[in-house]
C-alpha atoms as a PDB file:
ATOM      1  CA  UNK A   1      -2.093  12.455  -0.311  1.00  0.00           C
ATOM      2  CA  UNK A   2      -0.518   9.578   1.485  1.00  0.00           C
ATOM      3  CA  UNK A   3       0.229   6.427   0.307  1.00  0.00           C
ATOM      4  CA  UNK A   4       1.192   3.221   1.794  1.00  0.00           C
ATOM      5  CA  UNK A   5       3.180   0.577   0.050  1.00  0.00           C
ATOM      6  CA  UNK A   6       4.051  -3.279   1.510  1.00  0.00           C
ATOM      7  CA  UNK A   7       7.827  -3.717   1.151  1.00  0.00           C
ATOM      8  CA  UNK A   8      10.487  -6.743   1.016  1.00  0.00           C
ATOM      9  CA  UNK A   9      14.075  -6.114   0.502  1.00  0.00           C
ATOM     10  CA  UNK A  10      12.912  -2.284  -1.465  1.00  0.00           C
ATOM     11  CA  UNK A  11       9.915  -3.172  -3.745  1.00  0.00           C
ATOM     12  CA  UNK A  12       6.491  -4.020  -3.054  1.00  0.00           C
ATOM     13  CA  UNK A  13       5.678  -7.618  -1.977  1.00  0.00           C
ATOM     14  CA  UNK A  14       2.865  -9.624  -2.742  1.00  0.00           C
ATOM     15  CA  UNK A  15       2.492 -10.805   1.400  1.00  0.00           C
ATOM     16  CA  UNK A  16       0.889  -7.667   2.385  1.00  0.00           C
ATOM     17  CA  UNK A  17       0.272  -8.965   5.627  1.00  0.00           C
ATOM     18  CA  UNK A  18       3.207 -10.240   6.493  1.00  0.00           C
ATOM     19  CA  UNK A  19       5.562  -7.230   5.062  1.00  0.00           C
ATOM     20  CA  UNK A  20       8.895  -6.369   6.652  1.00  0.00           C
ATOM     21  CA  UNK A  21       7.938  -2.622   6.248  1.00  0.00           C
ATOM     22  CA  UNK A  22       5.955  -0.141   4.740  1.00  0.00           C
ATOM     23  CA  UNK A  23       7.057   2.996   2.884  1.00  0.00           C
ATOM     24  CA  UNK A  24       4.573   5.921   3.672  1.00  0.00           C
ATOM     25  CA  UNK A  25       5.010   8.590   0.679  1.00  0.00           C
ATOM     26  CA  UNK A  26       3.425  11.432   0.568  1.00  0.00           C
ATOM     27  CA  UNK A  27       2.569  13.423  -2.574  1.00  0.00           C
ATOM     28  CA  UNK A  28       1.742  17.209  -2.787  1.00  0.00           C
ATOM     29  CA  UNK A  29       0.751  18.589  -5.647  1.00  0.00           C
ATOM     30  CA  UNK A  30       1.429  15.642  -7.681  1.00  0.00           C
ATOM     31  CA  UNK A  31       5.187  15.072  -6.817  1.00  0.00           C
ATOM     32  CA  UNK A  32       6.336  13.119  -3.880  1.00  0.00           C
ATOM     33  CA  UNK A  33       7.362  15.616  -0.983  1.00  0.00           C
ATOM     34  CA  UNK A  34       8.478  12.841   1.574  1.00  0.00           C
ATOM     35  CA  UNK A  35       9.112   9.503   2.133  1.00  0.00           C
ATOM     36  CA  UNK A  36       9.368   7.216   5.107  1.00  0.00           C
ATOM     37  CA  UNK A  37       9.791   3.654   5.977  1.00  0.00           C
ATOM     38  CA  UNK A  38       8.235   2.188   8.832  1.00  0.00           C
ATOM     39  CA  UNK A  39       7.993  -1.514  10.442  1.00  0.00           C
ATOM     40  CA  UNK A  40       4.670  -2.400  10.880  1.00  0.00           C
ATOM     41  CA  UNK A  41       3.218  -3.864  13.875  1.00  0.00           C
ATOM     42  CA  UNK A  42       2.563  -7.716  14.659  1.00  0.00           C
ATOM     43  CA  UNK A  43       0.325  -9.291  12.219  1.00  0.00           C
ATOM     44  CA  UNK A  44      -3.223  -9.719  13.607  1.00  0.00           C
ATOM     45  CA  UNK A  45      -6.342  -9.296  11.908  1.00  0.00           C
ATOM     46  CA  UNK A  46      -7.741  -5.625  11.777  1.00  0.00           C
ATOM     47  CA  UNK A  47      -4.327  -4.371  13.244  1.00  0.00           C
ATOM     48  CA  UNK A  48      -3.214  -3.106  10.080  1.00  0.00           C
ATOM     49  CA  UNK A  49      -6.027  -0.869   9.018  1.00  0.00           C
ATOM     50  CA  UNK A  50      -6.094   0.864  12.263  1.00  0.00           C
ATOM     51  CA  UNK A  51      -2.615   1.293  12.199  1.00  0.00           C
ATOM     52  CA  UNK A  52      -2.359   2.683   8.380  1.00  0.00           C
ATOM     53  CA  UNK A  53      -5.339   5.097   9.030  1.00  0.00           C
ATOM     54  CA  UNK A  54      -3.418   6.709  12.175  1.00  0.00           C
ATOM     55  CA  UNK A  55      -0.753   7.020  10.155  1.00  0.00           C
ATOM     56  CA  UNK A  56      -2.954   8.982   7.448  1.00  0.00           C
ATOM     57  CA  UNK A  57      -2.598   6.681   4.367  1.00  0.00           C
ATOM     58  CA  UNK A  58      -5.018   7.454   1.560  1.00  0.00           C
ATOM     59  CA  UNK A  59      -4.052   4.807  -0.730  1.00  0.00           C
ATOM     60  CA  UNK A  60      -2.711   1.144  -0.348  1.00  0.00           C
ATOM     61  CA  UNK A  61      -1.027  -0.105  -3.453  1.00  0.00           C
ATOM     62  CA  UNK A  62      -0.593  -3.788  -3.000  1.00  0.00           C
ATOM     63  CA  UNK A  63       0.389  -6.786  -5.068  1.00  0.00           C
ATOM     64  CA  UNK A  64      -2.589  -9.062  -3.218  1.00  0.00           C
ATOM     65  CA  UNK A  65      -5.072  -8.931  -0.209  1.00  0.00           C
ATOM     66  CA  UNK A  66      -7.624 -10.889   0.735  1.00  0.00           C
ATOM     67  CA  UNK A  67     -11.381  -9.271   0.678  1.00  0.00           C
ATOM     68  CA  UNK A  68     -12.108  -8.946   4.371  1.00  0.00           C
ATOM     69  CA  UNK A  69      -9.024  -6.433   4.922  1.00  0.00           C
ATOM     70  CA  UNK A  70      -9.960  -4.481   1.767  1.00  0.00           C
ATOM     71  CA  UNK A  71     -12.972  -4.055   3.288  1.00  0.00           C
ATOM     72  CA  UNK A  72     -11.703  -2.783   6.351  1.00  0.00           C
ATOM     73  CA  UNK A  73      -9.560  -0.354   4.954  1.00  0.00           C
ATOM     74  CA  UNK A  74     -12.176   0.717   2.467  1.00  0.00           C
ATOM     75  CA  UNK A  75     -14.505   1.407   5.714  1.00  0.00           C
ATOM     76  CA  UNK A  76     -11.574   3.647   6.998  1.00  0.00           C
ATOM     77  CA  UNK A  77     -11.671   5.695   3.480  1.00  0.00           C
ATOM     78  CA  UNK A  78      -8.647   4.093   2.459  1.00  0.00           C
ATOM     79  CA  UNK A  79      -8.600   2.978  -1.129  1.00  0.00           C
ATOM     80  CA  UNK A  80      -6.703  -0.152  -2.252  1.00  0.00           C
ATOM     81  CA  UNK A  81      -5.210  -1.004  -5.335  1.00  0.00           C
ATOM     82  CA  UNK A  82      -4.495  -4.506  -5.836  1.00  0.00           C
ATOM     83  CA  UNK A  83      -2.341  -6.432  -8.747  1.00  0.00           C
ATOM     84  CA  UNK A  84       0.771  -3.854  -8.867  1.00  0.00           C
ATOM     85  CA  UNK A  85       3.799  -5.185  -9.851  1.00  0.00           C
ATOM     86  CA  UNK A  86       7.011  -5.534  -7.210  1.00  0.00           C
ATOM     87  CA  UNK A  87       8.693  -1.938  -8.197  1.00  0.00           C
ATOM     88  CA  UNK A  88      10.212   0.166  -5.838  1.00  0.00           C
ATOM     89  CA  UNK A  89       7.704   2.328  -4.369  1.00  0.00           C
ATOM     90  CA  UNK A  90       8.379   5.543  -6.082  1.00  0.00           C
ATOM     91  CA  UNK A  91       7.932   4.037  -9.443  1.00  0.00           C
ATOM     92  CA  UNK A  92       4.265   2.866  -8.144  1.00  0.00           C
ATOM     93  CA  UNK A  93       3.299   6.132  -6.960  1.00  0.00           C
ATOM     94  CA  UNK A  94       4.421   7.972  -9.872  1.00  0.00           C
ATOM     95  CA  UNK A  95       2.956   5.286 -11.822  1.00  0.00           C
ATOM     96  CA  UNK A  96      -0.498   5.910  -9.943  1.00  0.00           C
ATOM     97  CA  UNK A  97      -0.255   9.891 -10.254  1.00  0.00           C
ATOM     98  CA  UNK A  98       0.422   9.503 -13.966  1.00  0.00           C
ATOM     99  CA  UNK A  99      -2.493   6.822 -14.709  1.00  0.00           C
ATOM    100  CA  UNK A 100       0.035   4.592 -15.910  1.00  0.00           C
ATOM    101  CA  UNK A 101       0.237   1.883 -13.151  1.00  0.00           C
ATOM    102  CA  UNK A 102      -0.665  -1.736 -14.049  1.00  0.00           C
ATOM    103  CA  UNK A 103      -2.830  -2.860 -11.903  1.00  0.00           C
ATOM    104  CA  UNK A 104      -3.656  -6.799 -12.478  1.00  0.00           C
ATOM    105  CA  UNK A 105      -5.050  -9.761 -10.771  1.00  0.00           C
ATOM    106  CA  UNK A 106      -5.300  -9.268  -6.986  1.00  0.00           C
ATOM    107  CA  UNK A 107      -2.644 -12.190  -6.176  1.00  0.00           C
ATOM    108  CA  UNK A 108      -5.090 -13.300  -2.912  1.00  0.00           C
ATOM    109  CA  UNK A 109      -7.881 -13.825  -5.222  1.00  0.00           C
ATOM    110  CA  UNK A 110      -6.541 -16.862  -7.246  1.00  0.00           C
END
């Protein structure tokens, strides 16, 4: 399983489409097995879903994301979790795996 997390200064950013970088974290047998930090392509509608799909992302943990983007990721078989707190990517993935991730309101919904 591979997680994609939009980052700014090393922690999750609420500004999904305009993030500085993405952490791609691979999980094998419920343990983090690999982490990459990647610079995303320039932001344009529909670019990130294709790019993250090509990178093998299965789950995106985000602070907020528009409904159109969520639909584009879903169409590519990528699960989106919104409303996550601004934590380090490893903390977010570990919380997700332990079913303790406190995902709240999608910050793009208000």
